[in-house]
Amino acid sequence: MKTKKVDKKKTLAYAVAFYFTEASIKFMMGNTMYEYVHTVYDRRYDNGVFNTLAVVYNYKKMKYEVLVVSDEKVGDKEIQII
């Protein structure tokens, strides 16, 4: 089965780095609508790795969530900015 190639400029990781700098932006990831709130850069002192975290509001669950953008499973997902 072929996997769909995702354009890097349409991924969550790209949007957090370049589009979601200061504004509160709504976007769709899958069937869920989110609103971007803030980006947190977390440094793990045990191995020196930085994690990029996006604080978002999930409209489906009606609560705030943290998405680990530096994780490829989340950061490489395609989004649609509303």
N, C-alpha and C. Protein backbone atom coordinates (compact mmCIF):
# COMPACT_ATOMS: atom_id res chain seq x y z
N MET A 1 0.83 -1.17 0.00
CA MET A 1 0.00 0.00 0.00
C MET A 1 0.88 1.25 0.00
N LYS A 2 0.57 2.18 -0.87
CA LYS A 2 1.35 3.41 -0.97
C LYS A 2 0.93 4.38 0.12
N THR A 3 1.92 5.06 0.66
CA THR A 3 1.62 6.09 1.64
C THR A 3 1.59 7.44 0.95
N LYS A 4 0.72 8.30 1.42
CA LYS A 4 0.57 9.63 0.84
C LYS A 4 1.75 10.50 1.25
N LYS A 5 2.41 11.11 0.28
CA LYS A 5 3.54 12.00 0.59
C LYS A 5 2.98 13.36 0.99
N VAL A 6 3.39 13.80 2.16
CA VAL A 6 2.89 15.05 2.71
C VAL A 6 3.87 16.17 2.41
N ASP A 7 3.35 17.29 1.91
CA ASP A 7 4.17 18.47 1.67
C ASP A 7 4.64 19.03 3.01
N LYS A 8 5.94 19.22 3.18
CA LYS A 8 6.51 19.69 4.45
C LYS A 8 5.92 21.03 4.89
N LYS A 9 5.52 21.87 3.93
CA LYS A 9 4.97 23.18 4.29
C LYS A 9 3.54 23.09 4.81
N LYS A 10 2.94 21.91 4.77
CA LYS A 10 1.59 21.70 5.28
C LYS A 10 1.58 20.89 6.56
N THR A 11 2.73 20.69 7.18
CA THR A 11 2.80 19.89 8.40
C THR A 11 2.68 20.78 9.63
N LEU A 12 2.34 20.15 10.74
CA LEU A 12 2.22 20.87 12.01
C LEU A 12 3.57 21.45 12.43
N ALA A 13 4.64 20.71 12.25
CA ALA A 13 5.97 21.19 12.65
C ALA A 13 6.35 22.46 11.89
N TYR A 14 6.08 22.51 10.60
CA TYR A 14 6.40 23.69 9.81
C TYR A 14 5.54 24.87 10.24
N ALA A 15 4.26 24.62 10.47
CA ALA A 15 3.34 25.69 10.86
C ALA A 15 3.72 26.29 12.21
N VAL A 16 4.10 25.44 13.16
CA VAL A 16 4.50 25.94 14.48
C VAL A 16 5.76 26.79 14.37
N ALA A 17 6.67 26.40 13.51
CA ALA A 17 7.93 27.13 13.37
C ALA A 17 7.77 28.45 12.62
N PHE A 18 6.90 28.50 11.61
CA PHE A 18 6.87 29.67 10.74
C PHE A 18 5.55 30.44 10.74
N TYR A 19 4.41 29.78 10.92
CA TYR A 19 3.13 30.47 10.85
C TYR A 19 2.59 30.87 12.23
N PHE A 20 2.74 30.00 13.20
CA PHE A 20 2.13 30.22 14.52
C PHE A 20 3.08 30.97 15.45
N THR A 21 3.62 32.07 15.02
CA THR A 21 4.60 32.77 15.84
C THR A 21 3.97 33.66 16.90
N GLU A 22 2.93 34.40 16.56
CA GLU A 22 2.34 35.31 17.53
C GLU A 22 0.83 35.26 17.59
N ALA A 23 0.19 34.69 16.61
CA ALA A 23 -1.26 34.73 16.54
C ALA A 23 -1.90 33.46 17.06
N SER A 24 -3.13 33.58 17.44
CA SER A 24 -3.94 32.44 17.84
C SER A 24 -4.66 31.96 16.58
N ILE A 25 -4.23 30.84 16.03
CA ILE A 25 -4.71 30.37 14.74
C ILE A 25 -5.45 29.05 14.89
N LYS A 26 -6.57 28.92 14.19
CA LYS A 26 -7.33 27.67 14.20
C LYS A 26 -6.87 26.82 13.02
N PHE A 27 -6.80 25.50 13.28
CA PHE A 27 -6.40 24.59 12.22
C PHE A 27 -7.08 23.24 12.43
N MET A 28 -7.15 22.49 11.35
CA MET A 28 -7.72 21.14 11.38
C MET A 28 -6.59 20.14 11.21
N MET A 29 -6.61 19.11 12.05
CA MET A 29 -5.69 17.99 11.91
C MET A 29 -6.57 16.75 11.97
N GLY A 30 -6.73 16.10 10.83
CA GLY A 30 -7.69 15.01 10.75
C GLY A 30 -9.09 15.61 10.80
N ASN A 31 -9.94 15.06 11.66
CA ASN A 31 -11.31 15.56 11.81
C ASN A 31 -11.47 16.45 13.04
N THR A 32 -10.38 16.86 13.63
CA THR A 32 -10.43 17.64 14.86
C THR A 32 -9.94 19.06 14.62
N MET A 33 -10.68 20.03 15.16
CA MET A 33 -10.28 21.42 15.05
C MET A 33 -9.56 21.84 16.32
N TYR A 34 -8.41 22.49 16.13
CA TYR A 34 -7.59 22.98 17.24
C TYR A 34 -7.41 24.48 17.10
N GLU A 35 -7.09 25.12 18.21
CA GLU A 35 -6.65 26.51 18.18
C GLU A 35 -5.29 26.59 18.85
N TYR A 36 -4.33 27.10 18.12
CA TYR A 36 -2.97 27.23 18.64
C TYR A 36 -2.94 28.30 19.73
N VAL A 37 -2.24 28.00 20.84
CA VAL A 37 -2.14 28.95 21.95
C VAL A 37 -0.71 29.42 22.15
N HIS A 38 0.24 28.49 22.27
CA HIS A 38 1.61 28.87 22.61
C HIS A 38 2.58 27.74 22.24
N THR A 39 3.84 28.10 22.01
CA THR A 39 4.90 27.12 21.76
C THR A 39 5.85 27.11 22.95
N VAL A 40 6.22 25.91 23.39
CA VAL A 40 7.16 25.74 24.50
C VAL A 40 8.34 24.92 23.98
N TYR A 41 9.55 25.41 24.24
CA TYR A 41 10.76 24.68 23.88
C TYR A 41 11.33 24.10 25.17
N ASP A 42 11.28 22.79 25.29
CA ASP A 42 11.68 22.10 26.51
C ASP A 42 13.00 21.38 26.28
N ARG A 43 13.95 21.59 27.18
CA ARG A 43 15.25 20.92 27.08
C ARG A 43 15.33 19.83 28.13
N ARG A 44 15.60 18.63 27.68
CA ARG A 44 15.77 17.51 28.61
C ARG A 44 17.23 17.44 29.00
N TYR A 45 17.48 17.53 30.29
CA TYR A 45 18.86 17.58 30.77
C TYR A 45 19.53 16.21 30.84
N ASP A 46 18.75 15.14 30.76
CA ASP A 46 19.39 13.82 30.81
C ASP A 46 20.13 13.48 29.52
N ASN A 47 19.62 13.96 28.37
CA ASN A 47 20.31 13.66 27.12
C ASN A 47 20.53 14.91 26.25
N GLY A 48 20.14 16.07 26.72
CA GLY A 48 20.40 17.31 26.00
C GLY A 48 19.53 17.56 24.79
N VAL A 49 18.46 16.79 24.63
CA VAL A 49 17.58 16.93 23.48
C VAL A 49 16.52 18.00 23.77
N PHE A 50 16.19 18.78 22.75
CA PHE A 50 15.13 19.77 22.88
C PHE A 50 13.84 19.20 22.31
N ASN A 51 12.74 19.43 23.00
CA ASN A 51 11.42 19.05 22.52
C ASN A 51 10.64 20.32 22.23
N THR A 52 9.93 20.33 21.11
CA THR A 52 9.06 21.44 20.77
C THR A 52 7.64 21.02 21.08
N LEU A 53 6.98 21.78 21.94
CA LEU A 53 5.62 21.47 22.37
C LEU A 53 4.69 22.59 21.94
N ALA A 54 3.52 22.24 21.44
CA ALA A 54 2.52 23.23 21.07
C ALA A 54 1.33 23.08 22.01
N VAL A 55 1.00 24.15 22.70
CA VAL A 55 -0.19 24.17 23.55
C VAL A 55 -1.35 24.56 22.65
N VAL A 56 -2.36 23.71 22.59
CA VAL A 56 -3.51 23.94 21.71
C VAL A 56 -4.81 23.71 22.48
N TYR A 57 -5.89 24.27 21.95
CA TYR A 57 -7.21 24.01 22.49
C TYR A 57 -7.92 23.07 21.53
N ASN A 58 -8.37 21.93 22.02
CA ASN A 58 -9.07 20.92 21.22
C ASN A 58 -10.56 21.21 21.32
N TYR A 59 -11.18 21.61 20.21
CA TYR A 59 -12.60 21.96 20.22
C TYR A 59 -13.50 20.74 20.36
N LYS A 60 -13.06 19.58 19.91
CA LYS A 60 -13.87 18.37 20.03
C LYS A 60 -13.97 17.92 21.48
N LYS A 61 -12.84 17.92 22.20
CA LYS A 61 -12.82 17.50 23.60
C LYS A 61 -13.08 18.66 24.56
N MET A 62 -13.05 19.90 24.04
CA MET A 62 -13.27 21.12 24.81
C MET A 62 -12.30 21.24 25.99
N LYS A 63 -11.02 21.03 25.69
CA LYS A 63 -9.99 21.20 26.71
C LYS A 63 -8.65 21.51 26.05
N TYR A 64 -7.72 22.01 26.86
CA TYR A 64 -6.38 22.31 26.38
C TYR A 64 -5.55 21.03 26.35
N GLU A 65 -4.68 20.94 25.33
CA GLU A 65 -3.80 19.80 25.18
C GLU A 65 -2.41 20.29 24.79
N VAL A 66 -1.44 19.43 24.97
CA VAL A 66 -0.07 19.72 24.53
C VAL A 66 0.31 18.69 23.48
N LEU A 67 0.70 19.16 22.30
CA LEU A 67 1.13 18.29 21.22
C LEU A 67 2.65 18.34 21.12
N VAL A 68 3.28 17.19 21.10
CA VAL A 68 4.74 17.12 20.98
C VAL A 68 5.09 17.23 19.50
N VAL A 69 5.41 18.42 19.07
CA VAL A 69 5.66 18.70 17.66
C VAL A 69 6.95 18.05 17.19
N SER A 70 7.94 17.92 18.06
CA SER A 70 9.21 17.32 17.67
C SER A 70 9.10 15.81 17.45
N ASP A 71 7.99 15.20 17.85
CA ASP A 71 7.73 13.79 17.58
C ASP A 71 7.23 13.67 16.15
N GLU A 72 7.83 12.80 15.35
CA GLU A 72 7.47 12.68 13.94
C GLU A 72 6.03 12.23 13.74
N LYS A 73 5.48 11.47 14.66
CA LYS A 73 4.10 11.00 14.52
C LYS A 73 3.11 12.15 14.56
N VAL A 74 3.43 13.19 15.29
CA VAL A 74 2.55 14.35 15.40
C VAL A 74 3.01 15.48 14.49
N GLY A 75 4.28 15.80 14.52
CA GLY A 75 4.81 16.93 13.77
C GLY A 75 4.73 16.79 12.27
N ASP A 76 4.75 15.58 11.76
CA ASP A 76 4.70 15.36 10.32
C ASP A 76 3.29 15.16 9.79
N LYS A 77 2.27 15.36 10.63
CA LYS A 77 0.89 15.24 10.16
C LYS A 77 0.50 16.48 9.38
N GLU A 78 -0.32 16.26 8.36
CA GLU A 78 -0.78 17.36 7.53
C GLU A 78 -1.91 18.10 8.24
N ILE A 79 -1.87 19.43 8.17
CA ILE A 79 -2.91 20.25 8.78
C ILE A 79 -3.49 21.18 7.73
N GLN A 80 -4.66 21.73 8.05
CA GLN A 80 -5.29 22.76 7.21
C GLN A 80 -5.56 23.96 8.10
N ILE A 81 -4.97 25.08 7.76
CA ILE A 81 -5.20 26.31 8.53
C ILE A 81 -6.52 26.91 8.09
N ILE A 82 -7.33 27.26 9.09
CA ILE A 82 -8.66 27.81 8.80
C ILE A 82 -8.61 29.32 8.81
